[in-house]
C-alpha cells in the first residue's frame, strides 16, 4: 500500500524542508526544477514500491524525483516528485494505477 499527496504551489518553506530532507541535498543538476516546482507529489510506501514509483515518475515528462529521508520505524520511505502541476498529477495518477 502506498500513500500519495500533491502540494500545488508549494511554499518556499515547504520546499526548504524537503530540500533539507533529501537523501542527497548536495545534488545541483536538478536544483532549478526543484526550486521552481509548481507542484510536489509525495509518495510513501515500502522500498520495493518506491523504486517502482520512482521509475514510473522519472519516465513521466517534466518531473524530478528525489528520495526524502525520514525516521519511520516501519521502513517506509518517501519520494518527492517535483515539476509542473500537470506533470506531477500525471506521475501520481500513473503510480496509483500501476502499484497495487
Protein backbone atom coordinates (compact mmCIF):
# COMPACT_ATOMS: atom_id res chain seq x y z
CA UNK A 1 0.00 0.00 0.00
CA UNK A 2 1.22 3.47 -0.81
CA UNK A 3 0.13 6.93 0.26
CA UNK A 4 0.20 9.85 -2.15
CA UNK A 5 -0.42 13.58 -1.81
CA UNK A 6 0.07 16.55 -4.12
CA UNK A 7 1.04 20.03 -2.95
CA UNK A 8 0.14 22.65 -5.55
CA UNK A 9 2.12 25.90 -5.41
CA UNK A 10 4.35 24.75 -2.53
CA UNK A 11 5.59 27.50 -0.25
CA UNK A 12 9.27 28.39 -0.05
CA UNK A 13 9.32 26.94 3.47
CA UNK A 14 7.89 23.62 2.31
CA UNK A 15 10.46 23.39 -0.47
CA UNK A 16 13.21 24.19 2.05
CA UNK A 17 12.03 21.44 4.41
CA UNK A 18 12.08 18.95 1.55
CA UNK A 19 15.49 20.16 0.35
CA UNK A 20 16.97 19.59 3.81
CA UNK A 21 15.46 16.10 4.00
CA UNK A 22 16.70 14.99 0.58
CA UNK A 23 18.94 11.97 0.72
CA UNK A 24 21.49 13.91 -1.35
CA UNK A 25 20.95 17.63 -0.65
CA UNK A 26 24.18 18.49 -2.48
CA UNK A 27 22.74 17.39 -5.87
CA UNK A 28 22.86 20.50 -8.08
CA UNK A 29 21.73 19.37 -11.53
CA UNK A 30 18.02 19.37 -10.58
CA UNK A 31 18.15 22.38 -8.25
CA UNK A 32 16.27 24.76 -10.61
CA UNK A 33 13.47 22.26 -11.26
CA UNK A 34 13.09 21.73 -7.53
CA UNK A 35 13.27 25.42 -6.54
CA UNK A 36 10.77 26.44 -9.24
CA UNK A 37 8.38 23.50 -8.88
CA UNK A 38 4.74 24.43 -9.39
CA UNK A 39 3.77 21.21 -7.58
CA UNK A 40 5.29 18.50 -5.42
CA UNK A 41 3.96 14.96 -5.32
CA UNK A 42 4.71 12.98 -2.19
CA UNK A 43 4.66 9.19 -2.33
CA UNK A 44 5.30 6.98 0.71
CA UNK A 45 5.48 3.21 0.89
CA UNK A 46 7.70 0.16 1.09
CA UNK A 47 11.12 0.31 -0.54
CA UNK A 48 10.20 -2.03 -3.39
CA UNK A 49 7.15 0.08 -4.26
CA UNK A 50 9.12 3.33 -4.06
CA UNK A 51 11.74 2.06 -6.50
CA UNK A 52 8.97 1.17 -8.96
CA UNK A 53 7.24 4.51 -8.27
CA UNK A 54 10.47 6.37 -8.94
CA UNK A 55 10.89 4.61 -12.27
CA UNK A 56 7.29 5.40 -13.26
CA UNK A 57 7.65 9.05 -12.26
CA UNK A 58 11.01 9.54 -13.97
CA UNK A 59 9.51 8.24 -17.21
CA UNK A 60 6.88 10.97 -16.96
CA UNK A 61 7.74 14.20 -18.77
CA UNK A 62 8.99 17.17 -16.77
CA UNK A 63 9.49 15.80 -13.27
CA UNK A 64 12.42 15.37 -10.93
CA UNK A 65 12.30 12.59 -8.32
CA UNK A 66 14.20 12.78 -5.04
CA UNK A 67 14.37 10.40 -2.07
CA UNK A 68 13.28 12.06 1.19
CA UNK A 69 14.95 10.95 4.43
CA UNK A 70 12.82 10.11 7.43
CA UNK A 71 12.85 8.04 10.58
CA UNK A 72 9.88 5.75 10.06
CA UNK A 73 10.16 2.58 12.17
CA UNK A 74 8.14 0.59 9.60
CA UNK A 75 10.92 1.08 7.00
CA UNK A 76 8.69 3.18 4.78
CA UNK A 77 10.38 5.66 2.51
CA UNK A 78 9.12 8.75 0.75
CA UNK A 79 9.73 10.26 -2.67
CA UNK A 80 9.23 13.88 -3.63
CA UNK A 81 8.26 14.43 -7.26
CA UNK A 82 8.89 18.00 -8.43
CA UNK A 83 7.59 19.63 -11.59
CA UNK A 84 4.74 21.49 -13.20
CA UNK A 85 1.29 20.68 -11.84
CA UNK A 86 0.06 18.64 -14.82
CA UNK A 87 3.24 16.51 -14.93
CA UNK A 88 3.19 15.82 -11.19
CA UNK A 89 -0.52 14.94 -11.30
CA UNK A 90 0.11 12.61 -14.25
CA UNK A 91 3.04 10.93 -12.48
CA UNK A 92 0.99 10.39 -9.28
CA UNK A 93 -2.01 9.13 -11.24
CA UNK A 94 0.17 6.64 -13.12
CA UNK A 95 1.88 5.48 -9.91
CA UNK A 96 -1.50 4.93 -8.23
CA UNK A 97 -2.79 2.94 -11.20
CA UNK A 98 0.27 0.69 -11.54
CA UNK A 99 1.21 -0.03 -7.91
CA UNK A 100 -1.49 -2.11 -6.29
